[in-house]
Amino acid sequence: MQLIDGKSLAKKVQTTIATEVAKLKQEKNIVPGLAVILIGDDPASHAYVKMKAKACENPELRSENLECLFACQKRRFYIFHSSFFTSK
């Protein structure tokens, strides 16, 4: 069995992603991102989403969240969806 240095590997992946994001921004004016729709009030889910949003800060990816306590109205979802995918 081979051991993997997780921190070192993660750093390499983050560096690669940051380079690719910068290239997309410069060459095509595209800002990739993460959109999360969180339904419910589970503390573990909120912690997970917060962790993913923080990971997007490093390579300067867009990160937006839509939180709905129990049921998400279609209108609210469509507004979130269209604003995320049409803005840069």
N, C-alpha and C. Protein backbone atom coordinates (compact mmCIF):
# COMPACT_ATOMS: atom_id res chain seq x y z
N MET A 1 0.85 -1.18 0.00
CA MET A 1 0.00 0.00 0.00
C MET A 1 0.89 1.24 0.00
N GLN A 2 0.50 2.22 -0.81
CA GLN A 2 1.26 3.45 -0.92
C GLN A 2 0.54 4.57 -0.17
N LEU A 3 1.26 5.29 0.67
CA LEU A 3 0.69 6.42 1.39
C LEU A 3 0.72 7.66 0.51
N ILE A 4 -0.31 8.46 0.64
CA ILE A 4 -0.42 9.69 -0.12
C ILE A 4 -0.32 10.86 0.84
N ASP A 5 0.45 11.87 0.48
CA ASP A 5 0.52 13.10 1.26
C ASP A 5 -0.64 13.98 0.82
N GLY A 6 -1.74 13.90 1.54
CA GLY A 6 -2.97 14.60 1.17
C GLY A 6 -2.83 16.10 1.08
N LYS A 7 -2.10 16.70 2.02
CA LYS A 7 -1.94 18.16 2.01
C LYS A 7 -1.15 18.60 0.78
N SER A 8 -0.12 17.88 0.45
CA SER A 8 0.70 18.21 -0.72
C SER A 8 -0.11 18.05 -2.01
N LEU A 9 -0.86 16.97 -2.10
CA LEU A 9 -1.69 16.73 -3.28
C LEU A 9 -2.76 17.81 -3.41
N ALA A 10 -3.40 18.18 -2.30
CA ALA A 10 -4.43 19.22 -2.32
C ALA A 10 -3.84 20.54 -2.79
N LYS A 11 -2.65 20.87 -2.33
CA LYS A 11 -1.98 22.11 -2.73
C LYS A 11 -1.73 22.12 -4.24
N LYS A 12 -1.29 20.98 -4.79
CA LYS A 12 -1.04 20.88 -6.23
C LYS A 12 -2.35 21.08 -7.02
N VAL A 13 -3.41 20.44 -6.54
CA VAL A 13 -4.72 20.57 -7.21
C VAL A 13 -5.19 22.02 -7.16
N GLN A 14 -5.07 22.67 -6.00
CA GLN A 14 -5.49 24.06 -5.86
C GLN A 14 -4.69 24.98 -6.78
N THR A 15 -3.40 24.73 -6.90
CA THR A 15 -2.55 25.53 -7.78
C THR A 15 -2.97 25.36 -9.23
N THR A 16 -3.25 24.13 -9.63
CA THR A 16 -3.69 23.86 -10.99
C THR A 16 -5.02 24.55 -11.28
N ILE A 17 -5.96 24.46 -10.33
CA ILE A 17 -7.26 25.09 -10.51
C ILE A 17 -7.11 26.61 -10.61
N ALA A 18 -6.30 27.20 -9.73
CA ALA A 18 -6.09 28.66 -9.76
C ALA A 18 -5.51 29.10 -11.10
N THR A 19 -4.59 28.32 -11.65
CA THR A 19 -3.99 28.64 -12.94
C THR A 19 -5.04 28.58 -14.05
N GLU A 20 -5.86 27.55 -14.03
CA GLU A 20 -6.90 27.39 -15.05
C GLU A 20 -7.96 28.47 -14.94
N VAL A 21 -8.33 28.84 -13.72
CA VAL A 21 -9.31 29.91 -13.51
C VAL A 21 -8.78 31.23 -14.05
N ALA A 22 -7.53 31.55 -13.74
CA ALA A 22 -6.92 32.78 -14.23
C ALA A 22 -6.88 32.80 -15.76
N LYS A 23 -6.60 31.65 -16.35
CA LYS A 23 -6.54 31.53 -17.81
C LYS A 23 -7.92 31.77 -18.43
N LEU A 24 -8.96 31.18 -17.84
CA LEU A 24 -10.32 31.40 -18.33
C LEU A 24 -10.72 32.86 -18.22
N LYS A 25 -10.38 33.48 -17.09
CA LYS A 25 -10.72 34.90 -16.90
C LYS A 25 -10.03 35.77 -17.94
N GLN A 26 -8.75 35.53 -18.14
CA GLN A 26 -7.97 36.36 -19.04
C GLN A 26 -8.33 36.14 -20.51
N GLU A 27 -8.44 34.90 -20.92
CA GLU A 27 -8.63 34.60 -22.33
C GLU A 27 -10.08 34.69 -22.80
N LYS A 28 -11.03 34.33 -21.93
CA LYS A 28 -12.42 34.24 -22.37
C LYS A 28 -13.39 35.03 -21.51
N ASN A 29 -12.87 35.73 -20.51
CA ASN A 29 -13.71 36.51 -19.61
C ASN A 29 -14.80 35.65 -18.94
N ILE A 30 -14.42 34.43 -18.59
CA ILE A 30 -15.33 33.50 -17.92
C ILE A 30 -14.87 33.31 -16.49
N VAL A 31 -15.81 33.43 -15.56
CA VAL A 31 -15.51 33.20 -14.15
C VAL A 31 -16.29 31.97 -13.70
N PRO A 32 -15.62 30.83 -13.58
CA PRO A 32 -16.33 29.62 -13.14
C PRO A 32 -16.74 29.75 -11.69
N GLY A 33 -17.70 28.92 -11.28
CA GLY A 33 -18.13 29.02 -9.90
C GLY A 33 -18.92 27.83 -9.42
N LEU A 34 -19.34 27.95 -8.19
CA LEU A 34 -20.12 26.91 -7.52
C LEU A 34 -21.44 27.51 -7.06
N ALA A 35 -22.53 26.90 -7.47
CA ALA A 35 -23.86 27.32 -7.01
C ALA A 35 -24.43 26.20 -6.16
N VAL A 36 -24.89 26.56 -4.97
CA VAL A 36 -25.43 25.56 -4.05
C VAL A 36 -26.85 25.94 -3.68
N ILE A 37 -27.73 24.98 -3.76
CA ILE A 37 -29.09 25.17 -3.27
C ILE A 37 -29.25 24.26 -2.07
N LEU A 38 -29.40 24.86 -0.92
CA LEU A 38 -29.47 24.13 0.34
C LEU A 38 -30.91 24.18 0.85
N ILE A 39 -31.53 23.03 0.95
CA ILE A 39 -32.90 22.96 1.43
C ILE A 39 -32.91 22.28 2.78
N GLY A 40 -33.50 22.93 3.75
CA GLY A 40 -33.55 22.39 5.09
C GLY A 40 -32.58 23.12 6.01
N ASP A 41 -32.53 22.67 7.24
CA ASP A 41 -31.72 23.36 8.24
C ASP A 41 -30.79 22.40 8.97
N ASP A 42 -30.18 21.50 8.23
CA ASP A 42 -29.27 20.53 8.82
C ASP A 42 -27.91 21.19 9.07
N PRO A 43 -27.46 21.24 10.32
CA PRO A 43 -26.19 21.89 10.64
C PRO A 43 -25.00 21.29 9.88
N ALA A 44 -25.00 19.99 9.67
CA ALA A 44 -23.89 19.36 8.94
C ALA A 44 -23.86 19.84 7.48
N SER A 45 -25.02 19.99 6.88
CA SER A 45 -25.09 20.48 5.50
C SER A 45 -24.60 21.92 5.41
N HIS A 46 -24.99 22.74 6.38
CA HIS A 46 -24.53 24.13 6.39
C HIS A 46 -23.01 24.19 6.53
N ALA A 47 -22.45 23.35 7.37
CA ALA A 47 -20.99 23.32 7.55
C ALA A 47 -20.30 22.89 6.26
N TYR A 48 -20.86 21.91 5.59
CA TYR A 48 -20.28 21.42 4.33
C TYR A 48 -20.30 22.51 3.26
N VAL A 49 -21.44 23.20 3.14
CA VAL A 49 -21.57 24.26 2.14
C VAL A 49 -20.61 25.41 2.46
N LYS A 50 -20.49 25.74 3.74
CA LYS A 50 -19.57 26.81 4.15
C LYS A 50 -18.12 26.44 3.78
N MET A 51 -17.77 25.18 3.99
CA MET A 51 -16.42 24.71 3.67
C MET A 51 -16.16 24.80 2.16
N LYS A 52 -17.14 24.45 1.35
CA LYS A 52 -16.98 24.50 -0.10
C LYS A 52 -16.89 25.95 -0.58
N ALA A 53 -17.67 26.84 0.01
CA ALA A 53 -17.61 28.26 -0.36
C ALA A 53 -16.24 28.83 -0.03
N LYS A 54 -15.69 28.43 1.11
CA LYS A 54 -14.35 28.89 1.51
C LYS A 54 -13.30 28.38 0.52
N ALA A 55 -13.46 27.17 0.04
CA ALA A 55 -12.52 26.61 -0.93
C ALA A 55 -12.55 27.38 -2.25
N CYS A 56 -13.68 28.00 -2.55
CA CYS A 56 -13.80 28.78 -3.78
C CYS A 56 -13.08 30.12 -3.68
N GLU A 57 -12.80 30.59 -2.49
CA GLU A 57 -12.13 31.88 -2.32
C GLU A 57 -10.70 31.84 -2.83
N ASN A 58 -10.01 30.75 -2.60
CA ASN A 58 -8.60 30.68 -2.94
C ASN A 58 -8.33 30.90 -4.43
N PRO A 59 -8.95 30.15 -5.34
CA PRO A 59 -8.70 30.41 -6.75
C PRO A 59 -9.64 31.48 -7.32
N GLU A 60 -10.36 32.20 -6.45
CA GLU A 60 -11.28 33.26 -6.86
C GLU A 60 -12.40 32.78 -7.76
N LEU A 61 -12.98 31.67 -7.40
CA LEU A 61 -14.17 31.17 -8.08
C LEU A 61 -15.40 31.87 -7.49
N ARG A 62 -16.43 31.99 -8.28
CA ARG A 62 -17.68 32.53 -7.75
C ARG A 62 -18.35 31.46 -6.90
N SER A 63 -18.98 31.89 -5.85
CA SER A 63 -19.71 30.97 -4.99
C SER A 63 -20.97 31.67 -4.50
N GLU A 64 -22.10 31.06 -4.78
CA GLU A 64 -23.36 31.63 -4.33
C GLU A 64 -24.23 30.53 -3.76
N ASN A 65 -24.96 30.89 -2.72
CA ASN A 65 -25.84 29.92 -2.05
C ASN A 65 -27.27 30.41 -2.06
N LEU A 66 -28.18 29.49 -2.21
CA LEU A 66 -29.60 29.75 -2.04
C LEU A 66 -30.06 28.82 -0.93
N GLU A 67 -30.55 29.40 0.15
CA GLU A 67 -30.99 28.59 1.28
C GLU A 67 -32.50 28.67 1.41
N CYS A 68 -33.13 27.51 1.49
CA CYS A 68 -34.57 27.41 1.67
C CYS A 68 -34.80 26.54 2.90
N LEU A 69 -35.62 27.00 3.82
CA LEU A 69 -35.82 26.22 5.03
C LEU A 69 -36.41 24.85 4.73
N PHE A 70 -37.49 24.79 3.98
CA PHE A 70 -38.08 23.48 3.71
C PHE A 70 -38.45 23.28 2.25
N ALA A 71 -39.15 24.23 1.70
CA ALA A 71 -39.56 24.09 0.31
C ALA A 71 -39.12 25.34 -0.44
N CYS A 72 -38.58 25.14 -1.58
CA CYS A 72 -38.09 26.25 -2.37
C CYS A 72 -39.10 26.55 -3.47
N GLN A 73 -39.58 27.76 -3.51
CA GLN A 73 -40.53 28.12 -4.56
C GLN A 73 -39.82 28.14 -5.90
N LYS A 74 -40.52 27.67 -6.93
CA LYS A 74 -39.91 27.60 -8.26
C LYS A 74 -39.42 28.97 -8.72
N ARG A 75 -40.19 30.01 -8.45
CA ARG A 75 -39.82 31.36 -8.88
C ARG A 75 -38.48 31.76 -8.26
N ARG A 76 -38.31 31.50 -6.98
CA ARG A 76 -37.07 31.86 -6.28
C ARG A 76 -35.88 31.08 -6.87
N PHE A 77 -36.09 29.81 -7.17
CA PHE A 77 -35.04 29.00 -7.77
C PHE A 77 -34.65 29.54 -9.15
N TYR A 78 -35.63 29.85 -9.99
CA TYR A 78 -35.33 30.34 -11.32
C TYR A 78 -34.58 31.66 -11.29
N ILE A 79 -34.95 32.54 -10.38
CA ILE A 79 -34.24 33.83 -10.25
C ILE A 79 -32.79 33.57 -9.87
N PHE A 80 -32.58 32.68 -8.90
CA PHE A 80 -31.22 32.34 -8.47
C PHE A 80 -30.44 31.73 -9.62
N HIS A 81 -31.04 30.77 -10.30
CA HIS A 81 -30.40 30.07 -11.40
C HIS A 81 -30.02 31.03 -12.52
N SER A 82 -30.95 31.85 -12.95
CA SER A 82 -30.65 32.74 -14.07
C SER A 82 -29.66 33.83 -13.69
N SER A 83 -29.70 34.32 -12.46
CA SER A 83 -28.74 35.36 -12.07
C SER A 83 -27.34 34.79 -11.95
N PHE A 84 -27.20 33.56 -11.50
CA PHE A 84 -25.88 32.95 -11.37
C PHE A 84 -25.27 32.68 -12.74
N PHE A 85 -26.05 32.14 -13.63
CA PHE A 85 -25.50 31.72 -14.92
C PHE A 85 -25.42 32.82 -15.95
N THR A 86 -26.01 33.99 -15.68
CA THR A 86 -25.90 35.08 -16.65
C THR A 86 -24.93 36.16 -16.19
N SER A 87 -24.54 36.14 -14.91
CA SER A 87 -23.60 37.16 -14.43
C SER A 87 -22.17 36.62 -14.50
N LYS A 88 -21.21 37.54 -14.52
CA LYS A 88 -19.80 37.13 -14.59
C LYS A 88 -19.06 37.68 -13.41
